[in-house]
Protein backbone atom coordinates (compact mmCIF):
# COMPACT_ATOMS: atom_id res chain seq x y z
CA MET A 1 87.39 73.11 106.37
CA TRP A 2 89.39 74.62 109.77
CA SER A 3 92.21 71.68 109.77
CA ASN A 4 92.47 72.76 106.03
CA PRO A 5 94.92 75.89 105.70
CA TYR A 6 93.62 76.82 101.83
CA ALA A 7 90.07 76.55 103.13
CA PHE A 8 90.18 78.63 106.27
CA SER A 9 92.29 80.81 103.97
CA THR A 10 89.95 81.35 101.14
CA PHE A 11 87.25 81.22 103.48
CA SER A 12 88.60 84.73 105.11
CA ALA A 13 89.89 86.16 102.40
CA ILE A 14 86.27 86.44 101.48
CA SER A 15 84.43 87.23 104.92
CA GLU A 16 86.60 89.71 105.55
CA LEU A 17 85.12 91.52 101.80
CA GLY A 18 81.98 90.55 104.04
CA VAL A 19 83.51 92.47 107.47
CA THR A 20 84.72 95.67 105.10
CA ALA A 21 81.72 95.95 103.35
CA LEU A 22 79.40 96.31 107.07
CA VAL A 23 81.82 97.88 108.66
CA LEU A 24 81.77 100.67 105.58
CA TYR A 25 78.06 100.49 105.39
CA VAL A 26 77.89 101.58 109.29
CA ILE A 27 79.98 104.36 109.29
CA ILE A 28 79.42 105.92 106.40
CA SER A 29 75.85 105.76 106.56
CA ASN A 30 76.99 107.51 110.00
CA LEU A 31 78.61 109.57 108.66
CA ARG A 32 75.57 110.63 105.90
CA GLY A 33 73.45 111.50 108.46
CA GLY A 34 71.98 108.15 109.25
CA PRO A 35 71.59 105.96 112.77
CA PHE A 36 74.71 104.41 114.10
CA ARG A 37 73.92 100.94 113.50
CA ALA A 38 75.45 100.13 117.01
CA ARG A 39 74.43 95.98 117.13
CA LEU A 40 75.45 95.66 113.36
CA LEU A 41 78.74 96.92 114.18
CA PHE A 42 79.49 95.04 117.38
CA ALA A 43 77.81 92.01 116.00
CA THR A 44 80.80 92.32 112.90
CA LEU A 45 83.36 92.99 115.08
CA THR A 46 83.04 90.05 117.37
CA PHE A 47 82.85 88.52 113.90
CA GLU A 48 85.65 89.75 112.80
CA ILE A 49 87.73 88.54 116.43
CA LEU A 50 86.79 85.34 116.65
CA VAL A 51 86.90 84.33 113.03
CA ASN A 52 89.80 86.55 111.07
CA VAL A 53 91.70 87.47 114.03
CA THR A 54 91.57 83.76 115.39
CA TYR A 55 92.54 83.11 111.65
CA MET A 56 95.82 85.27 111.60
CA VAL A 57 96.86 84.14 114.92
CA ASN A 58 96.62 80.13 114.31
CA ARG A 59 97.27 79.59 110.41
CA THR A 60 99.17 82.20 109.32
CA LEU A 61 102.86 80.46 110.36
CA VAL A 62 101.50 77.34 109.52
CA VAL A 63 99.94 78.67 106.19
CA ALA A 64 103.98 79.69 105.60
CA ALA A 65 105.72 76.97 106.93
CA ASN A 66 103.32 74.16 104.97
CA HIS A 67 103.49 75.65 101.83
CA PRO A 68 104.05 73.46 99.25
CA ASN A 69 106.53 75.72 97.33
CA PRO A 70 109.23 79.07 98.69
CA LEU A 71 107.33 82.02 99.54
CA GLY A 72 109.66 85.33 98.00
CA HIS A 73 111.16 87.42 100.82
CA TRP A 74 108.17 89.99 99.22
CA VAL A 75 105.62 88.51 100.59
CA GLY A 76 107.20 88.15 103.83
CA VAL A 77 107.39 91.91 104.36
CA LEU A 78 103.79 92.21 103.05
CA GLY A 79 103.06 89.73 105.81
CA ALA A 80 104.67 91.50 108.45
CA PHE A 81 103.13 94.89 106.88
CA HIS A 82 99.71 93.98 106.84
CA GLY A 83 99.45 91.78 110.54
CA ALA A 84 101.18 94.70 111.97
CA LEU A 85 98.37 97.67 109.82
CA SER A 86 96.01 94.61 110.79
CA LEU A 87 96.21 94.97 114.38
CA VAL A 88 95.95 98.56 114.77
CA MET A 89 93.14 98.93 112.67
CA LEU A 90 91.46 96.05 115.41
CA VAL A 91 92.19 98.45 117.53
CA GLY A 92 91.09 101.45 116.27
CA LEU A 93 87.98 99.24 114.96
CA ILE A 94 87.05 98.93 118.55
CA VAL A 95 87.94 102.41 119.41
CA ILE A 96 86.24 104.59 117.75
CA SER A 97 83.52 101.99 118.05
CA VAL A 98 83.29 102.86 121.98
CA LEU A 99 83.38 106.77 120.69
CA ALA A 100 80.30 105.99 118.29
CA PHE A 101 77.95 104.43 120.47
CA ARG A 102 78.56 107.04 123.01
CA ALA A 103 78.15 110.07 121.04
CA ALA A 104 75.04 108.04 119.77
CA LYS A 105 74.05 107.40 123.06
CA ARG A 106 74.08 112.04 123.38
CA GLY A 107 72.46 111.73 119.96
CA ARG A 108 75.61 112.42 118.35
CA SER A 109 77.55 111.50 115.10
CA PHE A 110 80.90 110.42 115.90
CA PHE A 111 81.85 110.55 112.50
CA ARG A 112 80.40 113.22 111.03
CA GLU A 113 82.11 115.52 113.74
CA HIS A 114 85.66 113.69 113.34
CA ARG A 115 85.47 113.54 109.25
CA GLY A 116 88.94 113.45 108.84
CA LEU A 117 89.77 111.16 110.96
CA THR A 118 87.11 108.61 109.71
CA TYR A 119 88.40 108.81 105.96
CA ALA A 120 91.81 108.13 107.25
CA PHE A 121 89.86 105.07 109.00
CA ILE A 122 88.21 104.16 106.17
CA VAL A 123 91.72 104.33 103.88
CA LEU A 124 93.69 102.41 106.43
CA TRP A 125 90.98 99.75 106.93
CA LEU A 126 91.33 99.51 103.21
CA LEU A 127 95.12 99.32 102.79
CA SER A 128 95.08 96.59 105.09
CA VAL A 129 92.31 94.66 103.92
CA GLY A 130 93.56 95.40 100.01
CA SER A 131 97.38 94.20 101.85
CA GLY A 132 95.41 90.87 103.45
CA GLU A 133 93.73 89.55 100.13
CA LEU A 134 96.52 90.32 98.06
CA LEU A 135 98.57 88.14 100.80
CA TYR A 136 96.07 85.75 99.72
CA TRP A 137 96.84 85.08 96.52
CA ALA A 138 100.15 85.55 96.27
CA ILE A 139 100.27 82.70 99.18
CA TRP A 140 98.03 80.51 97.18
CA HIS A 141 97.75 81.73 94.04
CA GLY A 142 101.14 83.26 92.87
CA SER A 143 103.80 81.12 91.02
């Protein structure tokens, strides 16, 4: 599967939805007063870095270069937007995960205390994931 760009792209697109569900679960449950599930978030973050970031770094150019049909200019623009936003969101997730972990150690809820930042993060995360899913469909299932 890893040597097949379509299979790796499909796996990454599907697993990104799972990563998003877990990230949102940890953040929203803590925002609502539940415990901060650090192990779950850090395991999810590790998977995201090892699998999905590896895909983006190693396969994006391969997919574009080996695609049987020429890709539209808008796909390149969307790819650049998605790549930049995804990098910012990954770094943001790492930062807020560490801050939330440190706050939880002190008996506090980072996400409850920073609601505006939390909601902004969620919206931007969903925009990042949505643009990636759109990119996947445009590359592999577009006409």
